[in-house]
Amino acid sequence: MDPNANITIEKKALREIMIARRRSISENSRIAMSRSIAEHVIGMPEFLNASSIHLYLSIAVLAEVSTAPIIDSKLVNNKKLSVPVIRNGNLIAAAFRKGDSLRKAQFGQFEPEVLSFVDESHLDVVLLPLLAFDEKGYRLGYGKGFYDRFLTRLSDKGVNPCRIGLSFFQQRVDELPADSWDEPLDAVVHEHGIIRYT
């Protein structure tokens, strides 16, 4: 069998396990842990020194780490925020401000009703959702490859923002099956602290 096919099968099985594991966390616990994660994130030098931050709008039904506490933080008041929007199979950064009117998009994620795309070359930090992470800094996403292509596109242009995954600690695994196109993270922030990959 093609080794890539094996990796695809492994990832699919692991996604199901990790989605179930994340959904097994009570809502109150997820809220509390998301607040702890936000506190760690906003204390990072990379975040404090950033002027342009890309972050996802969390999807409650998927039990993702909530980015609301980060968006609500006064420390983002003077920063330019952008969120992912999918167009023609690509992830593009769209400007976002707290209070913007949102609409639900094709994969259940929210996006601004009025789109204004940002200059991605100015991104300093990218906060990513994930289903699992490992000791090498690889993340398991939802399988569409949007973030991998996004990060590759940025690096091809010489743009290298700090890549920070947001995760509950119980999503950690020793080693993830990785494809050649999987883009590693610079750090993962969980409720207990920060793991850096350098």
C-alpha atoms as a PDB file:
ATOM      1  CA  MET A   1       0.000   0.000   0.000  1.00  0.00           C
ATOM      2  CA  ASP A   2       1.102   3.554  -0.707  1.00  0.00           C
ATOM      3  CA  PRO A   3       2.731   4.985   2.477  1.00  0.00           C
ATOM      4  CA  ASN A   4       0.729   8.214   2.000  1.00  0.00           C
ATOM      5  CA  ALA A   5      -2.480   6.174   1.995  1.00  0.00           C
ATOM      6  CA  ASN A   6      -1.451   4.623   5.325  1.00  0.00           C
ATOM      7  CA  ILE A   7      -0.843   8.073   6.792  1.00  0.00           C
ATOM      8  CA  THR A   8      -4.253   9.256   5.554  1.00  0.00           C
ATOM      9  CA  ILE A   9      -5.959   6.267   7.224  1.00  0.00           C
ATOM     10  CA  GLU A  10      -4.034   6.828  10.482  1.00  0.00           C
ATOM     11  CA  LYS A  11      -4.918  10.515  10.539  1.00  0.00           C
ATOM     12  CA  LYS A  12      -8.606   9.836   9.873  1.00  0.00           C
ATOM     13  CA  ALA A  13      -8.800   7.366  12.778  1.00  0.00           C
ATOM     14  CA  LEU A  14      -6.923   9.729  15.079  1.00  0.00           C
ATOM     15  CA  ARG A  15      -9.220  12.636  14.190  1.00  0.00           C
ATOM     16  CA  GLU A  16     -12.250  10.651  15.338  1.00  0.00           C
ATOM     17  CA  ILE A  17     -10.522   9.756  18.612  1.00  0.00           C
ATOM     18  CA  MET A  18      -9.400  13.313  19.260  1.00  0.00           C
ATOM     19  CA  ILE A  19     -12.757  14.910  18.442  1.00  0.00           C
ATOM     20  CA  ALA A  20     -14.420  12.490  20.884  1.00  0.00           C
ATOM     21  CA  ARG A  21     -11.741  13.199  23.497  1.00  0.00           C
ATOM     22  CA  ARG A  22     -12.223  16.949  23.173  1.00  0.00           C
ATOM     23  CA  ARG A  23     -16.012  16.702  23.302  1.00  0.00           C
ATOM     24  CA  SER A  24     -15.736  14.606  26.476  1.00  0.00           C
ATOM     25  CA  ILE A  25     -14.471  17.694  28.318  1.00  0.00           C
ATOM     26  CA  SER A  26     -17.366  19.460  30.038  1.00  0.00           C
ATOM     27  CA  GLU A  27     -18.331  22.870  28.697  1.00  0.00           C
ATOM     28  CA  ASN A  28     -17.462  24.556  31.997  1.00  0.00           C
ATOM     29  CA  SER A  29     -14.030  22.942  31.971  1.00  0.00           C
ATOM     30  CA  ARG A  30     -13.426  23.989  28.368  1.00  0.00           C
ATOM     31  CA  ILE A  31     -14.357  27.576  29.208  1.00  0.00           C
ATOM     32  CA  ALA A  32     -12.008  27.628  32.209  1.00  0.00           C
ATOM     33  CA  MET A  33      -9.168  25.986  30.287  1.00  0.00           C
ATOM     34  CA  SER A  34      -9.668  28.350  27.333  1.00  0.00           C
ATOM     35  CA  ARG A  35      -9.285  31.285  29.737  1.00  0.00           C
ATOM     36  CA  SER A  36      -6.030  29.806  31.069  1.00  0.00           C
ATOM     37  CA  ILE A  37      -4.772  29.275  27.529  1.00  0.00           C
ATOM     38  CA  ALA A  38      -5.631  32.878  26.652  1.00  0.00           C
ATOM     39  CA  GLU A  39      -3.682  34.145  29.678  1.00  0.00           C
ATOM     40  CA  HIS A  40      -0.604  32.201  28.579  1.00  0.00           C
ATOM     41  CA  VAL A  41      -0.951  33.434  24.980  1.00  0.00           C
ATOM     42  CA  ILE A  42      -1.329  37.111  25.780  1.00  0.00           C
ATOM     43  CA  GLY A  43       1.715  36.940  28.057  1.00  0.00           C
ATOM     44  CA  MET A  44       3.984  35.602  25.306  1.00  0.00           C
ATOM     45  CA  PRO A  45       6.583  38.107  24.032  1.00  0.00           C
ATOM     46  CA  GLU A  46       5.661  37.177  20.466  1.00  0.00           C
ATOM     47  CA  PHE A  47       2.070  38.184  21.147  1.00  0.00           C
ATOM     48  CA  LEU A  48       2.887  41.315  23.130  1.00  0.00           C
ATOM     49  CA  ASN A  49       5.301  42.551  20.450  1.00  0.00           C
ATOM     50  CA  ALA A  50       3.016  41.668  17.523  1.00  0.00           C
ATOM     51  CA  SER A  51       1.116  44.349  15.644  1.00  0.00           C
ATOM     52  CA  SER A  52      -0.798  41.964  13.350  1.00  0.00           C
ATOM     53  CA  ILE A  53      -2.352  38.734  14.658  1.00  0.00           C
ATOM     54  CA  HIS A  54      -4.266  36.072  12.747  1.00  0.00           C
ATOM     55  CA  LEU A  55      -6.593  33.923  14.838  1.00  0.00           C
ATOM     56  CA  TYR A  56      -9.525  31.604  14.269  1.00  0.00           C
ATOM     57  CA  LEU A  57     -13.075  32.197  15.481  1.00  0.00           C
ATOM     58  CA  SER A  58     -13.697  29.088  17.561  1.00  0.00           C
ATOM     59  CA  ILE A  59     -16.524  26.687  16.730  1.00  0.00           C
ATOM     60  CA  ALA A  60     -18.360  25.676  19.909  1.00  0.00           C
ATOM     61  CA  VAL A  61     -19.917  22.520  18.440  1.00  0.00           C
ATOM     62  CA  LEU A  62     -16.410  21.208  17.710  1.00  0.00           C
ATOM     63  CA  ALA A  63     -15.343  21.939  21.311  1.00  0.00           C
ATOM     64  CA  GLU A  64     -12.371  23.988  20.103  1.00  0.00           C
ATOM     65  CA  VAL A  65     -10.234  26.071  22.436  1.00  0.00           C
ATOM     66  CA  SER A  66     -12.177  29.327  22.573  1.00  0.00           C
ATOM     67  CA  THR A  67     -10.418  32.400  21.215  1.00  0.00           C
ATOM     68  CA  ALA A  68     -13.064  34.705  22.753  1.00  0.00           C
ATOM     69  CA  PRO A  69     -10.946  35.475  25.853  1.00  0.00           C
ATOM     70  CA  ILE A  70      -8.088  36.566  23.585  1.00  0.00           C
ATOM     71  CA  ILE A  71     -10.386  38.728  21.461  1.00  0.00           C
ATOM     72  CA  ASP A  72     -11.846  40.236  24.649  1.00  0.00           C
ATOM     73  CA  SER A  73      -8.427  41.074  26.090  1.00  0.00           C
ATOM     74  CA  LYS A  74      -7.501  44.755  26.298  1.00  0.00           C
ATOM     75  CA  LEU A  75      -4.051  43.753  25.029  1.00  0.00           C
ATOM     76  CA  VAL A  76      -5.448  43.303  21.505  1.00  0.00           C
ATOM     77  CA  ASN A  77      -6.953  46.806  21.361  1.00  0.00           C
ATOM     78  CA  ASN A  78      -3.987  48.255  19.492  1.00  0.00           C
ATOM     79  CA  LYS A  79      -3.368  45.210  17.322  1.00  0.00           C
ATOM     80  CA  LYS A  80      -4.696  44.402  13.873  1.00  0.00           C
ATOM     81  CA  LEU A  81      -6.671  41.165  13.938  1.00  0.00           C
ATOM     82  CA  SER A  82      -7.515  38.917  11.027  1.00  0.00           C
ATOM     83  CA  VAL A  83      -9.466  35.679  10.748  1.00  0.00           C
ATOM     84  CA  PRO A  84      -9.479  32.834   8.208  1.00  0.00           C
ATOM     85  CA  VAL A  85     -11.836  32.947   5.253  1.00  0.00           C
ATOM     86  CA  ILE A  86     -11.945  30.127   2.708  1.00  0.00           C
ATOM     87  CA  ARG A  87     -12.146  31.175  -0.930  1.00  0.00           C
ATOM     88  CA  ASN A  88     -11.486  28.921  -3.925  1.00  0.00           C
ATOM     89  CA  GLY A  89      -9.989  26.260  -1.677  1.00  0.00           C
ATOM     90  CA  ASN A  90      -7.542  28.663  -0.045  1.00  0.00           C
ATOM     91  CA  LEU A  91      -7.378  30.212   3.402  1.00  0.00           C
ATOM     92  CA  ILE A  92      -7.168  33.995   3.178  1.00  0.00           C
ATOM     93  CA  ALA A  93      -6.770  36.474   6.048  1.00  0.00           C
ATOM     94  CA  ALA A  94      -9.711  38.877   6.455  1.00  0.00           C
ATOM     95  CA  ALA A  95      -9.701  41.884   8.787  1.00  0.00           C
ATOM     96  CA  PHE A  96     -11.679  41.414  12.001  1.00  0.00           C
ATOM     97  CA  ARG A  97     -12.730  43.620  14.894  1.00  0.00           C
ATOM     98  CA  LYS A  98     -14.608  42.610  18.021  1.00  0.00           C
ATOM     99  CA  GLY A  99     -18.301  43.218  17.416  1.00  0.00           C
ATOM    100  CA  ASP A 100     -18.158  42.692  13.650  1.00  0.00           C
ATOM    101  CA  SER A 101     -21.284  41.103  12.170  1.00  0.00           C
ATOM    102  CA  LEU A 102     -20.565  37.466  11.359  1.00  0.00           C
ATOM    103  CA  ARG A 103     -22.081  34.800   9.137  1.00  0.00           C
ATOM    104  CA  LYS A 104     -21.671  31.039   9.200  1.00  0.00           C
ATOM    105  CA  ALA A 105     -19.526  29.747   6.324  1.00  0.00           C
ATOM    106  CA  GLN A 106     -19.319  26.407   4.529  1.00  0.00           C
ATOM    107  CA  PHE A 107     -17.505  24.369   7.201  1.00  0.00           C
ATOM    108  CA  GLY A 108     -19.433  25.754  10.172  1.00  0.00           C
ATOM    109  CA  GLN A 109     -16.859  28.439  10.912  1.00  0.00           C
ATOM    110  CA  PHE A 110     -17.812  32.086  11.248  1.00  0.00           C
ATOM    111  CA  GLU A 111     -16.490  34.861   9.047  1.00  0.00           C
ATOM    112  CA  PRO A 112     -17.129  38.618   8.848  1.00  0.00           C
ATOM    113  CA  GLU A 113     -20.184  39.579   6.802  1.00  0.00           C
ATOM    114  CA  VAL A 114     -18.196  42.397   5.219  1.00  0.00           C
ATOM    115  CA  LEU A 115     -14.854  41.141   3.948  1.00  0.00           C
ATOM    116  CA  SER A 116     -11.704  43.216   3.783  1.00  0.00           C
ATOM    117  CA  PHE A 117      -8.587  41.166   3.069  1.00  0.00           C
ATOM    118  CA  VAL A 118      -5.380  42.118   4.851  1.00  0.00           C
ATOM    119  CA  ASP A 119      -1.786  42.283   3.671  1.00  0.00           C
ATOM    120  CA  GLU A 120      -0.581  38.873   4.828  1.00  0.00           C
ATOM    121  CA  SER A 121       3.054  39.963   4.622  1.00  0.00           C
ATOM    122  CA  HIS A 122       2.493  41.939   7.834  1.00  0.00           C
ATOM    123  CA  LEU A 123       1.328  38.979   9.949  1.00  0.00           C
ATOM    124  CA  ASP A 124       3.430  38.547  13.103  1.00  0.00           C
ATOM    125  CA  VAL A 125       1.539  35.718  14.824  1.00  0.00           C
ATOM    126  CA  VAL A 126      -0.832  32.999  13.602  1.00  0.00           C
ATOM    127  CA  LEU A 127      -2.971  31.205  16.208  1.00  0.00           C
ATOM    128  CA  LEU A 128      -4.147  27.834  14.914  1.00  0.00           C
ATOM    129  CA  PRO A 129      -6.791  25.323  16.019  1.00  0.00           C
ATOM    130  CA  LEU A 130      -5.790  21.670  16.208  1.00  0.00           C
ATOM    131  CA  LEU A 131      -7.083  18.246  17.111  1.00  0.00           C
ATOM    132  CA  ALA A 132      -3.746  16.878  18.331  1.00  0.00           C
ATOM    133  CA  PHE A 133      -0.106  17.875  18.645  1.00  0.00           C
ATOM    134  CA  ASP A 134       3.091  15.929  19.166  1.00  0.00           C
ATOM    135  CA  GLU A 135       6.561  16.320  20.635  1.00  0.00           C
ATOM    136  CA  LYS A 136       8.015  17.484  17.313  1.00  0.00           C
ATOM    137  CA  GLY A 137       5.591  20.369  16.888  1.00  0.00           C
ATOM    138  CA  TYR A 138       3.323  18.791  14.298  1.00  0.00           C
ATOM    139  CA  ARG A 139      -0.415  19.364  14.519  1.00  0.00           C
ATOM    140  CA  LEU A 140      -3.357  17.297  13.379  1.00  0.00           C
ATOM    141  CA  GLY A 141      -5.985  19.465  11.718  1.00  0.00           C
ATOM    142  CA  TYR A 142      -9.331  18.639  10.190  1.00  0.00           C
ATOM    143  CA  GLY A 143      -7.843  17.194   7.022  1.00  0.00           C
ATOM    144  CA  LYS A 144      -8.563  19.910   4.477  1.00  0.00           C
ATOM    145  CA  GLY A 145      -4.998  21.263   4.452  1.00  0.00           C
ATOM    146  CA  PHE A 146      -6.058  24.919   4.541  1.00  0.00           C
ATOM    147  CA  TYR A 147      -3.547  25.987   7.186  1.00  0.00           C
ATOM    148  CA  ASP A 148      -0.678  23.991   5.674  1.00  0.00           C
ATOM    149  CA  ARG A 149      -1.208  25.665   2.301  1.00  0.00           C
ATOM    150  CA  PHE A 150      -1.632  29.057   3.987  1.00  0.00           C
ATOM    151  CA  LEU A 151       1.622  28.738   5.950  1.00  0.00           C
ATOM    152  CA  THR A 152       3.471  27.405   2.904  1.00  0.00           C
ATOM    153  CA  ARG A 153       2.222  30.352   0.840  1.00  0.00           C
ATOM    154  CA  LEU A 154       3.474  32.773   3.475  1.00  0.00           C
ATOM    155  CA  SER A 155       6.889  31.134   3.785  1.00  0.00           C
ATOM    156  CA  ASP A 156       7.254  31.057  -0.002  1.00  0.00           C
ATOM    157  CA  LYS A 157       6.896  34.852   0.150  1.00  0.00           C
ATOM    158  CA  GLY A 158       9.477  35.090   2.938  1.00  0.00           C
ATOM    159  CA  VAL A 159       6.780  35.764   5.536  1.00  0.00           C
ATOM    160  CA  ASN A 160       7.348  33.749   8.723  1.00  0.00           C
ATOM    161  CA  PRO A 161       4.924  34.649  11.520  1.00  0.00           C
ATOM    162  CA  CYS A 162       5.163  32.804  14.816  1.00  0.00           C
ATOM    163  CA  ARG A 163       2.908  29.730  14.509  1.00  0.00           C
ATOM    164  CA  ILE A 164       1.127  28.978  17.772  1.00  0.00           C
ATOM    165  CA  GLY A 165      -1.310  26.081  18.180  1.00  0.00           C
ATOM    166  CA  LEU A 166      -4.032  26.327  20.832  1.00  0.00           C
ATOM    167  CA  SER A 167      -4.885  23.035  22.475  1.00  0.00           C
ATOM    168  CA  PHE A 168      -6.121  21.292  25.582  1.00  0.00           C
ATOM    169  CA  PHE A 169      -3.264  19.298  27.098  1.00  0.00           C
ATOM    170  CA  GLN A 170      -5.045  15.967  26.728  1.00  0.00           C
ATOM    171  CA  GLN A 171      -4.776  16.342  22.945  1.00  0.00           C
ATOM    172  CA  ARG A 172      -1.028  15.712  23.169  1.00  0.00           C
ATOM    173  CA  VAL A 173       0.346  12.528  21.584  1.00  0.00           C
ATOM    174  CA  ASP A 174       3.922  11.261  21.366  1.00  0.00           C
ATOM    175  CA  GLU A 175       4.133  11.266  17.587  1.00  0.00           C
ATOM    176  CA  LEU A 176       1.707  12.140  14.809  1.00  0.00           C
ATOM    177  CA  PRO A 177       1.692  10.569  11.345  1.00  0.00           C
ATOM    178  CA  ALA A 178       3.090  13.355   9.163  1.00  0.00           C
ATOM    179  CA  ASP A 179       2.933  14.041   5.435  1.00  0.00           C
ATOM    180  CA  SER A 180       5.713  15.910   3.633  1.00  0.00           C
ATOM    181  CA  TRP A 181       3.487  18.991   3.324  1.00  0.00           C
ATOM    182  CA  ASP A 182       2.576  19.199   7.029  1.00  0.00           C
ATOM    183  CA  GLU A 183       3.789  22.501   8.455  1.00  0.00           C
ATOM    184  CA  PRO A 184       5.176  22.358  12.023  1.00  0.00           C
ATOM    185  CA  LEU A 185       4.359  24.824  14.796  1.00  0.00           C
ATOM    186  CA  ASP A 186       6.690  27.119  16.722  1.00  0.00           C
ATOM    187  CA  ALA A 187       4.737  26.590  19.941  1.00  0.00           C
ATOM    188  CA  VAL A 188       1.649  25.013  21.456  1.00  0.00           C
ATOM    189  CA  VAL A 189      -0.212  26.697  24.300  1.00  0.00           C
ATOM    190  CA  HIS A 190      -2.337  24.530  26.580  1.00  0.00           C
ATOM    191  CA  GLU A 191      -4.040  25.199  29.891  1.00  0.00           C
ATOM    192  CA  HIS A 192      -0.896  24.360  31.895  1.00  0.00           C
ATOM    193  CA  GLY A 193       1.578  26.447  29.926  1.00  0.00           C
ATOM    194  CA  ILE A 194       3.592  26.782  26.734  1.00  0.00           C
ATOM    195  CA  ILE A 195       5.579  24.199  24.780  1.00  0.00           C
ATOM    196  CA  ARG A 196       8.139  25.707  22.404  1.00  0.00           C
ATOM    197  CA  TYR A 197       9.729  23.891  19.481  1.00  0.00           C
ATOM    198  CA  THR A 198      13.159  25.302  18.672  1.00  0.00           C
END
